[in-house]
Amino acid sequence: MARFLIGTIPVMGHINPIIPIASELVTRGHQVQWYTGEQFRLKVEAAGAVWRPMKRAISTYGTQGMDAFPERLHLQGVDRVRWDIENVFIPDAAKQADDLAEILTDFPADAVLCDTSFFGARFLHERGAGPPWAKFNITILGLPDMGGDVPPLGLGLAPGQGIAARARNRSLHWMADNVLFRDLHQKYRDARRAYGLSEGTGTLIDDLLSPYLWLQGSVPSFEYPYRTLPPQVHFVGAILPNTGSYFPLPPWGHELEQKQRPVVLVTQGTVSVETTDLIQPVCRALASEDVLVVATTAGAPIDGPIPGNARVASFLPYDRILPYVDVVVTTGSYGTVQHALSYGVPMVASGATEDKIEVCARVEWSGAGVRLKGTPPSDSQIRSAVQRVLTDPSFRAASQKIQADLRKHDGPKEAATLLEELARTKQPVVTPVGGN
């Protein structure tokens, strides 16, 4: 039996994918404690883990996404990512590390598992006071420049092919590191130095990658191709919480089951939940179409009338409704996209905040859907894109191909097995030749 300490920033989309892993570790007889915000205590305890509070680090990012920080709401794309890194992720790294150090005095964990944006485990380990750590990546696979195989994060560009594309990508990485994010990389190095660590010569993006174990909740057919991946990167397939097995559908649920017309699901995920971004435009754009629009709002209000062919709910479990859905319209939430692909449902993707521009780019690149640019997209763009996905079978075929790849994995079990090896050996868990 091993001891595992999980650390996650207090955001739903960073916590939900790790719940099945925690449950699997508990089922296998391991001790699991979980450090995150108090609003997620019940989720943590339902997974069988012991909740540990955030004392020094920011313990809540708000009730919906990151609405505790209204100053970021007017920002888009790279600007919003920059704000999050500078004002939340970098300043919290040392505080997370100090909290983890306190927990480890009475719970000497064999390994730490954290989400993509959680730097505290690295800080503590590098100071010689923490166990090896693994990262579960809650978004697209965006690694440091690996020979120019893919462009840098934040631009939403396709990777391209051949020598010319790789040269372009290398140039863009140089610009990102030395112009666009130069000041952030220095602030990250300053934070390392203030915590007693070497400043280092790498970038913040370099330090996202754990040298021990990186769990990617997807499959290669959805991600941009790298000619060579770091050996500690493991694709484990989509890891999706089973939230709907006993969840009753709303009174209008029979309309889904009867399937008298195409069903269009529109959702904005759990971080950027302003319904004017996508939900209201989709409802308006499809009001006269012969489709049933199902909107999930994550509790955000909808101002104005709701069309007669639209049904709205704060929450609907994807595993209950996706079997009936013909098209998912999404802002590019990675969890939503992986859910849709797991059911072979094609998408219309339109998003420009956080990581969403990159997720939408991969929806387009993989052939699993249509990408719309502009926030919000126009009514005519939405209408045309939905009709295109409904009438062109190539999008569903591409989604079903990725679905078949996802079905080859049992994400929670694979992740738990890899974590067990890390806890046992305290060494990098590498992919065998020909693996993944």
Protein backbone atom coordinates (compact mmCIF):
# COMPACT_ATOMS: atom_id res chain seq x y z
CA MET A 1 0.00 0.00 0.00
CA ALA A 2 1.30 3.45 -0.95
CA ARG A 3 0.48 7.01 0.08
CA PHE A 4 -0.52 9.53 -2.60
CA LEU A 5 -0.97 13.26 -2.13
CA ILE A 6 -2.98 15.07 -4.80
CA GLY A 7 -2.70 18.83 -5.31
CA THR A 8 -5.04 20.79 -7.57
CA ILE A 9 -5.93 24.42 -8.05
CA PRO A 10 -9.56 25.03 -6.98
CA VAL A 11 -11.23 24.95 -10.39
CA MET A 12 -13.80 22.33 -11.42
CA GLY A 13 -12.14 21.52 -14.73
CA HIS A 14 -8.84 20.81 -12.98
CA ILE A 15 -10.42 18.59 -10.33
CA ASN A 16 -13.07 16.54 -12.16
CA PRO A 17 -10.65 14.59 -14.40
CA ILE A 18 -8.59 13.48 -11.39
CA ILE A 19 -11.54 12.18 -9.38
CA PRO A 20 -11.66 8.79 -11.20
CA ILE A 21 -7.90 8.37 -10.65
CA ALA A 22 -8.25 9.09 -6.94
CA SER A 23 -11.16 6.65 -6.69
CA GLU A 24 -9.15 3.94 -8.45
CA LEU A 25 -6.19 4.44 -6.11
CA VAL A 26 -8.49 4.18 -3.09
CA THR A 27 -10.14 1.05 -4.53
CA ARG A 28 -6.68 -0.53 -4.82
CA GLY A 29 -6.13 0.02 -1.11
CA HIS A 30 -3.84 3.07 -1.22
CA GLN A 31 -4.08 6.04 1.12
CA VAL A 32 -4.99 9.22 -0.74
CA GLN A 33 -5.10 12.76 0.56
CA TRP A 34 -6.13 15.72 -1.58
CA TYR A 35 -5.09 19.33 -1.18
CA THR A 36 -7.50 21.80 -2.81
CA GLY A 37 -10.16 24.43 -2.08
CA GLU A 38 -12.82 23.80 0.55
CA GLN A 39 -15.69 24.11 -1.94
CA PHE A 40 -14.52 20.79 -3.40
CA ARG A 41 -14.27 18.96 -0.09
CA LEU A 42 -17.40 16.88 -0.71
CA LYS A 43 -16.13 15.81 -4.14
CA VAL A 44 -12.80 14.80 -2.64
CA GLU A 45 -14.39 12.82 0.16
CA ALA A 46 -16.86 11.16 -2.23
CA ALA A 47 -13.84 9.84 -4.12
CA GLY A 48 -12.62 8.23 -0.89
CA ALA A 49 -9.77 10.68 -0.30
CA VAL A 50 -9.01 12.81 2.74
CA TRP A 51 -9.40 16.51 2.06
CA ARG A 52 -6.58 18.84 3.12
CA PRO A 53 -7.18 22.61 3.14
CA MET A 54 -5.33 25.34 1.27
CA LYS A 55 -3.96 27.59 4.01
CA ARG A 56 -1.45 29.83 2.24
CA ALA A 57 -2.40 29.43 -1.43
CA ILE A 58 -5.54 30.93 -2.94
CA SER A 59 -8.30 28.59 -1.80
CA THR A 60 -11.12 29.72 -4.07
CA TYR A 61 -11.20 31.06 -7.59
CA GLY A 62 -14.91 31.86 -7.34
CA THR A 63 -18.22 30.06 -7.64
CA GLN A 64 -18.13 29.84 -11.44
CA GLY A 65 -14.79 29.25 -13.10
CA MET A 66 -12.44 32.06 -12.06
CA ASP A 67 -15.00 34.76 -11.33
CA ALA A 68 -13.14 35.74 -8.15
CA PHE A 69 -10.90 37.70 -10.53
CA PRO A 70 -13.23 40.04 -12.47
CA GLU A 71 -10.27 42.05 -13.78
CA ARG A 72 -9.47 39.19 -16.19
CA LEU A 73 -12.93 38.97 -17.76
CA HIS A 74 -12.35 41.66 -20.41
CA LEU A 75 -9.20 39.89 -21.59
CA GLN A 76 -9.12 37.38 -24.44
CA GLY A 77 -6.77 34.68 -25.70
CA VAL A 78 -3.10 35.09 -24.82
CA ASP A 79 -3.79 38.17 -22.68
CA ARG A 80 -6.03 36.22 -20.32
CA VAL A 81 -3.52 33.37 -20.14
CA ARG A 82 -0.80 35.88 -19.30
CA TRP A 83 -2.92 37.39 -16.52
CA ASP A 84 -3.62 33.99 -14.97
CA ILE A 85 0.06 33.01 -15.01
CA GLU A 86 1.33 36.31 -13.64
CA ASN A 87 -1.31 36.91 -10.98
CA VAL A 88 -2.29 33.42 -9.84
CA PHE A 89 -0.10 30.50 -10.91
CA ILE A 90 3.37 32.00 -10.32
CA PRO A 91 2.61 33.75 -6.99
CA ASP A 92 0.92 30.64 -5.61
CA ALA A 93 3.73 28.18 -6.37
CA ALA A 94 5.73 28.81 -3.18
CA LYS A 95 2.55 28.99 -1.08
CA GLN A 96 1.40 25.63 -2.44
CA ALA A 97 4.83 24.18 -1.68
CA ASP A 98 4.71 25.39 1.92
CA ASP A 99 1.22 23.94 2.36
CA LEU A 100 2.36 20.61 0.92
CA ALA A 101 5.39 20.57 3.23
CA GLU A 102 3.10 20.95 6.22
CA ILE A 103 0.85 18.10 5.05
CA LEU A 104 3.83 15.85 4.43
CA THR A 105 4.91 16.10 8.07
CA ASP A 106 1.98 13.91 9.11
CA PHE A 107 1.31 12.23 5.75
CA PRO A 108 4.67 11.20 4.22
CA ALA A 109 3.42 10.58 0.69
CA ASP A 110 5.31 8.33 -1.71
CA ALA A 111 4.30 10.47 -4.69
CA VAL A 112 2.38 13.63 -5.49
CA LEU A 113 -0.11 13.99 -8.34
CA CYS A 114 -1.02 17.49 -9.45
CA ASP A 115 -2.79 19.26 -12.30
CA THR A 116 -1.15 21.20 -15.12
CA SER A 117 -1.12 24.63 -13.45
CA PHE A 118 0.08 23.46 -10.02
CA PHE A 119 3.77 24.31 -9.53
CA GLY A 120 4.04 23.72 -5.79
CA ALA A 121 5.06 20.07 -6.06
CA ARG A 122 8.03 20.94 -8.28
CA PHE A 123 9.17 23.76 -5.98
CA LEU A 124 9.07 21.53 -2.90
CA HIS A 125 10.80 18.58 -4.57
CA GLU A 126 13.60 20.72 -5.98
CA ARG A 127 14.27 22.04 -2.50
CA GLY A 128 14.74 18.44 -1.36
CA ALA A 129 11.64 18.30 0.83
CA GLY A 130 9.06 16.56 -1.33
CA PRO A 131 8.56 13.21 -3.08
CA PRO A 132 8.58 12.76 -6.87
CA TRP A 133 5.55 14.22 -8.57
CA ALA A 134 3.38 13.41 -11.56
CA LYS A 135 1.32 15.78 -13.65
CA PHE A 136 -2.13 15.02 -15.00
CA ASN A 137 -2.58 17.36 -17.95
CA ILE A 138 -6.12 18.73 -18.03
CA THR A 139 -5.71 20.23 -21.50
CA ILE A 140 -3.98 19.77 -24.87
CA LEU A 141 -0.48 18.36 -25.13
CA GLY A 142 1.63 21.50 -25.39
CA LEU A 143 5.28 20.72 -24.72
CA PRO A 144 8.38 22.93 -25.05
CA ASP A 145 9.86 23.27 -28.53
CA MET A 146 10.52 19.70 -29.64
CA GLY A 147 12.40 20.46 -32.83
CA GLY A 148 9.65 22.69 -34.19
CA ASP A 149 7.08 19.91 -34.43
CA VAL A 150 4.25 22.14 -33.20
CA PRO A 151 3.80 25.91 -32.78
CA PRO A 152 3.83 27.49 -29.30
CA LEU A 153 0.69 27.62 -27.19
CA GLY A 154 -1.69 30.53 -27.42
CA LEU A 155 -1.70 31.15 -31.18
CA GLY A 156 -4.20 28.49 -32.23
CA LEU A 157 -2.12 27.49 -35.26
CA ALA A 158 -2.02 24.10 -36.95
CA PRO A 159 1.40 22.40 -36.86
CA GLY A 160 1.97 22.20 -40.59
CA GLN A 161 4.22 19.62 -42.25
CA GLY A 162 7.75 19.44 -43.49
CA ILE A 163 10.93 21.44 -43.03
CA ALA A 164 9.35 24.83 -43.73
CA ALA A 165 6.64 24.31 -41.12
CA ARG A 166 9.17 23.22 -38.51
CA ALA A 167 11.31 26.27 -39.23
CA ARG A 168 8.24 28.49 -38.79
CA ASN A 169 7.35 26.75 -35.52
CA ARG A 170 10.90 27.14 -34.16
CA SER A 171 10.82 30.86 -35.00
CA LEU A 172 7.47 31.25 -33.26
CA HIS A 173 8.78 29.45 -30.18
CA TRP A 174 11.74 31.83 -30.09
CA MET A 175 9.41 34.83 -30.34
CA ALA A 176 7.12 33.45 -27.63
CA ASP A 177 10.01 32.81 -25.24
CA ASN A 178 11.96 35.99 -25.95
CA VAL A 179 9.20 38.49 -26.70
CA LEU A 180 5.65 37.46 -25.86
CA PHE A 181 6.33 35.63 -22.58
CA ARG A 182 9.82 36.88 -21.76
CA ASP A 183 8.69 38.91 -18.76
CA LEU A 184 6.61 36.01 -17.42
CA HIS A 185 9.53 33.61 -17.70
CA GLN A 186 11.64 36.08 -15.70
CA LYS A 187 8.95 36.47 -13.06
CA TYR A 188 8.81 32.70 -12.78
CA ARG A 189 12.60 32.57 -12.35
CA ASP A 190 12.34 35.31 -9.73
CA ALA A 191 9.76 33.22 -7.86
CA ARG A 192 12.10 30.23 -7.95
CA ARG A 193 14.97 32.29 -6.60
CA ALA A 194 12.79 33.76 -3.84
CA TYR A 195 11.96 30.21 -2.74
CA GLY A 196 15.63 29.30 -2.52
CA LEU A 197 15.88 27.46 -5.83
CA SER A 198 18.26 28.05 -8.68
CA GLU A 199 16.88 30.50 -11.19
CA GLY A 200 17.53 28.01 -13.96
CA THR A 201 17.87 28.60 -17.66
CA GLY A 202 14.59 27.09 -18.81
CA THR A 203 11.17 28.66 -19.21
CA LEU A 204 7.93 28.36 -17.34
CA ILE A 205 6.70 26.10 -20.15
CA ASP A 206 9.73 23.84 -19.68
CA ASP A 207 8.86 23.45 -16.00
CA LEU A 208 5.28 22.42 -16.70
CA LEU A 209 6.62 19.00 -17.64
CA SER A 210 7.31 16.65 -14.73
CA PRO A 211 10.55 14.71 -15.25
CA TYR A 212 8.92 11.73 -13.52
CA LEU A 213 5.49 11.16 -15.08
CA TRP A 214 3.10 13.06 -17.34
CA LEU A 215 -0.40 11.65 -17.77
CA GLN A 216 -2.14 12.86 -20.92
CA GLY A 217 -5.89 12.32 -20.82
CA SER A 218 -6.32 11.80 -24.53
CA VAL A 219 -4.99 9.82 -27.51
CA PRO A 220 -2.40 10.72 -30.17
CA SER A 221 -5.00 10.90 -32.94
CA PHE A 222 -6.47 14.05 -31.36
CA GLU A 223 -3.18 15.75 -30.46
CA TYR A 224 -0.67 17.38 -32.75
CA PRO A 225 2.06 14.87 -33.70
CA TYR A 226 5.51 14.98 -32.15
CA ARG A 227 8.23 12.98 -33.88
CA THR A 228 9.70 12.14 -30.47
CA LEU A 229 7.97 12.53 -27.13
CA PRO A 230 9.68 12.67 -23.74
CA PRO A 231 9.62 9.08 -22.46
CA GLN A 232 7.72 10.00 -19.29
CA VAL A 233 4.69 11.16 -21.34
CA HIS A 234 1.90 8.57 -21.33
CA PHE A 235 -1.41 8.76 -23.20
CA VAL A 236 -4.04 7.13 -20.99
CA GLY A 237 -7.21 7.97 -22.89
CA ALA A 238 -10.04 10.21 -21.74
CA ILE A 239 -10.69 10.16 -18.00
CA LEU A 240 -14.31 11.09 -17.55
CA PRO A 241 -16.26 11.30 -14.28
CA ASN A 242 -19.30 9.02 -14.28
CA THR A 243 -21.81 11.59 -13.10
CA GLY A 244 -25.03 10.57 -14.74
CA SER A 245 -25.80 6.93 -14.13
CA TYR A 246 -28.45 7.80 -11.56
CA PHE A 247 -29.03 11.42 -12.49
CA PRO A 248 -32.66 12.03 -13.53
CA LEU A 249 -33.18 13.89 -16.75
CA PRO A 250 -35.35 17.04 -16.68
CA PRO A 251 -39.08 16.73 -17.47
CA TRP A 252 -38.30 17.39 -21.13
CA GLY A 253 -35.83 14.49 -21.23
CA HIS A 254 -38.30 12.38 -23.22
CA GLU A 255 -37.69 14.70 -26.18
CA LEU A 256 -34.11 13.45 -26.29
CA GLU A 257 -35.15 9.84 -26.05
CA GLN A 258 -37.80 10.17 -28.77
CA LYS A 259 -35.21 11.74 -31.10
CA GLN A 260 -37.72 13.36 -33.46
CA ARG A 261 -35.20 15.92 -34.74
CA PRO A 262 -31.45 16.49 -34.57
CA VAL A 263 -30.15 17.42 -31.13
CA VAL A 264 -27.59 20.21 -30.74
CA LEU A 265 -25.89 20.48 -27.35
CA VAL A 266 -24.30 23.84 -26.52
CA THR A 267 -22.06 24.26 -23.50
CA GLN A 268 -19.38 26.65 -22.30
CA GLY A 269 -17.69 24.42 -19.73
CA THR A 270 -17.05 25.54 -16.16
CA VAL A 271 -14.52 28.40 -16.40
CA SER A 272 -15.73 31.01 -18.91
CA VAL A 273 -19.46 30.80 -18.35
CA GLU A 274 -20.75 34.13 -19.65
CA THR A 275 -23.73 32.93 -21.69
CA THR A 276 -23.37 35.80 -24.15
CA ASP A 277 -20.18 34.13 -25.46
CA LEU A 278 -21.87 31.15 -27.07
CA ILE A 279 -25.07 29.85 -25.44
CA GLN A 280 -27.24 32.83 -26.25
CA PRO A 281 -25.85 33.25 -29.79
CA VAL A 282 -26.47 29.55 -30.54
CA CYS A 283 -30.01 29.63 -29.19
CA ARG A 284 -30.72 32.73 -31.26
CA ALA A 285 -29.03 31.45 -34.42
CA LEU A 286 -30.88 28.11 -34.38
CA ALA A 287 -34.26 29.43 -33.20
CA SER A 288 -35.87 28.84 -36.63
CA GLU A 289 -34.06 25.59 -37.43
CA ASP A 290 -35.63 22.15 -37.16
CA VAL A 291 -33.37 21.08 -34.30
CA LEU A 292 -33.65 20.66 -30.55
CA VAL A 293 -31.12 22.88 -28.78
CA VAL A 294 -30.01 21.72 -25.33
CA ALA A 295 -27.99 24.26 -23.34
CA THR A 296 -26.08 23.69 -20.11
CA THR A 297 -25.11 26.92 -18.33
CA ALA A 298 -23.06 25.82 -15.27
CA GLY A 299 -25.46 27.94 -13.24
CA ALA A 300 -24.93 31.16 -15.18
CA PRO A 301 -28.11 33.15 -15.96
CA ILE A 302 -29.53 33.63 -19.43
CA ASP A 303 -30.87 37.12 -20.05
CA GLY A 304 -33.69 37.41 -22.52
CA PRO A 305 -36.20 35.01 -24.06
CA ILE A 306 -35.44 31.35 -24.68
CA PRO A 307 -36.56 30.09 -28.13
CA GLY A 308 -39.26 27.46 -28.33
CA ASN A 309 -36.87 24.80 -29.64
CA ALA A 310 -34.34 25.32 -26.81
CA ARG A 311 -34.14 23.54 -23.45
CA VAL A 312 -31.91 24.93 -20.69
CA ALA A 313 -30.43 23.37 -17.57
CA SER A 314 -27.70 24.42 -15.16
CA PHE A 315 -26.17 20.96 -15.31
CA LEU A 316 -26.70 17.85 -17.40
CA PRO A 317 -24.44 14.79 -17.13
CA TYR A 318 -22.79 14.19 -20.47
CA ASP A 319 -22.99 10.41 -20.19
CA ARG A 320 -26.77 10.64 -20.03
CA ILE A 321 -27.35 13.03 -22.92
CA LEU A 322 -24.50 12.55 -25.41
CA PRO A 323 -25.93 9.27 -26.77
CA TYR A 324 -28.76 11.40 -28.20
CA VAL A 325 -26.68 14.35 -29.45
CA ASP A 326 -25.86 14.95 -33.11
CA VAL A 327 -23.62 18.02 -32.73
CA VAL A 328 -21.86 19.58 -29.73
CA VAL A 329 -21.29 23.33 -29.90
CA THR A 330 -18.52 24.19 -27.46
CA THR A 331 -16.16 26.97 -26.49
CA GLY A 332 -13.38 24.37 -26.51
CA SER A 333 -13.41 23.10 -22.96
CA TYR A 334 -11.01 20.15 -23.05
CA GLY A 335 -13.24 18.02 -20.84
CA THR A 336 -16.28 18.68 -23.02
CA VAL A 337 -14.34 17.85 -26.17
CA GLN A 338 -13.04 14.58 -24.73
CA HIS A 339 -16.58 13.66 -23.67
CA ALA A 340 -17.90 14.36 -27.17
CA LEU A 341 -15.12 12.33 -28.78
CA SER A 342 -15.74 9.45 -26.36
CA TYR A 343 -19.24 9.23 -27.82
CA GLY A 344 -18.16 9.87 -31.41
CA VAL A 345 -20.07 13.17 -31.60
CA PRO A 346 -18.74 15.84 -33.99
CA MET A 347 -18.44 19.45 -32.90
CA VAL A 348 -18.60 23.12 -33.72
CA ALA A 349 -15.84 24.75 -31.66
CA SER A 350 -15.58 28.46 -30.95
CA GLY A 351 -13.43 29.79 -28.11
CA ALA A 352 -10.62 32.25 -27.45
CA THR A 353 -10.08 32.20 -23.69
CA GLU A 354 -7.67 30.19 -21.53
CA ASP A 355 -6.54 27.13 -23.51
CA LYS A 356 -9.63 27.03 -25.68
CA ILE A 357 -8.12 28.51 -28.82
CA GLU A 358 -5.72 25.55 -28.87
CA VAL A 359 -8.42 22.95 -28.19
CA CYS A 360 -10.57 24.39 -30.99
CA ALA A 361 -7.58 24.26 -33.34
CA ARG A 362 -7.19 20.53 -32.65
CA VAL A 363 -10.89 19.89 -33.23
CA GLU A 364 -10.41 21.37 -36.69
CA TRP A 365 -7.04 19.68 -37.33
CA SER A 366 -8.34 16.23 -36.38
CA GLY A 367 -11.37 16.59 -38.66
CA ALA A 368 -13.74 16.10 -35.72
CA GLY A 369 -15.55 19.38 -36.26
CA VAL A 370 -15.74 22.91 -37.59
CA ARG A 371 -13.84 25.72 -35.90
CA LEU A 372 -15.34 29.19 -35.71
CA LYS A 373 -13.19 32.23 -35.08
CA GLY A 374 -14.39 35.33 -33.30
CA THR A 375 -16.07 35.67 -29.91
CA PRO A 376 -18.96 35.58 -30.13
CA PRO A 377 -19.39 34.14 -33.62
CA SER A 378 -22.14 35.59 -35.78
CA ASP A 379 -25.54 33.95 -36.05
CA SER A 380 -24.92 33.08 -39.69
CA GLN A 381 -21.56 31.48 -38.86
CA ILE A 382 -23.15 29.31 -36.18
CA ARG A 383 -26.07 28.29 -38.38
CA SER A 384 -23.85 27.42 -41.33
CA ALA A 385 -21.39 25.46 -39.20
CA VAL A 386 -24.07 23.40 -37.46
CA GLN A 387 -25.73 22.55 -40.77
CA ARG A 388 -22.37 21.61 -42.25
CA VAL A 389 -21.59 19.20 -39.42
CA LEU A 390 -25.11 17.74 -39.58
CA THR A 391 -24.94 17.09 -43.32
CA ASP A 392 -21.27 16.17 -43.90
CA PRO A 393 -20.60 12.63 -42.62
CA SER A 394 -16.82 13.14 -42.61
CA PHE A 395 -16.98 14.96 -39.27
CA ARG A 396 -18.77 12.13 -37.51
CA ALA A 397 -16.43 9.61 -39.14
CA ALA A 398 -13.39 11.47 -37.79
CA SER A 399 -14.95 11.69 -34.33
CA GLN A 400 -15.75 7.99 -34.36
CA LYS A 401 -12.17 7.16 -35.36
CA ILE A 402 -10.90 8.99 -32.29
CA GLN A 403 -13.65 7.32 -30.25
CA ALA A 404 -12.29 3.93 -31.31
CA ASP A 405 -8.80 4.94 -30.14
CA LEU A 406 -10.17 6.15 -26.81
CA ARG A 407 -11.95 2.85 -26.25
CA LYS A 408 -8.61 1.05 -26.27
CA HIS A 409 -7.83 2.67 -22.92
CA ASP A 410 -9.12 2.45 -19.37
CA GLY A 411 -7.85 5.81 -18.18
CA PRO A 412 -8.24 5.52 -14.39
CA LYS A 413 -6.70 2.05 -14.26
CA GLU A 414 -3.78 2.95 -16.54
CA ALA A 415 -3.09 6.14 -14.61
CA ALA A 416 -3.24 4.34 -11.27
CA THR A 417 -0.82 1.65 -12.46
CA LEU A 418 1.68 4.26 -13.63
CA LEU A 419 1.38 6.15 -10.36
CA GLU A 420 1.96 2.95 -8.43
CA GLU A 421 5.21 2.44 -10.32
CA LEU A 422 6.30 5.99 -9.55
CA ALA A 423 5.52 5.52 -5.85
CA ARG A 424 7.40 2.21 -5.78
CA THR A 425 10.52 3.17 -7.72
CA LYS A 426 10.77 6.95 -7.13
CA GLN A 427 12.19 7.01 -10.67
CA PRO A 428 10.87 8.37 -13.98
CA VAL A 429 8.17 6.13 -15.39
CA VAL A 430 9.14 5.82 -19.04
CA THR A 431 7.25 4.53 -22.02
CA PRO A 432 8.71 1.33 -23.49
CA VAL A 433 9.91 1.51 -27.06
CA GLY A 434 6.88 1.32 -29.34
CA GLY A 435 4.52 2.24 -26.50
CA ASN A 436 1.67 4.78 -26.41
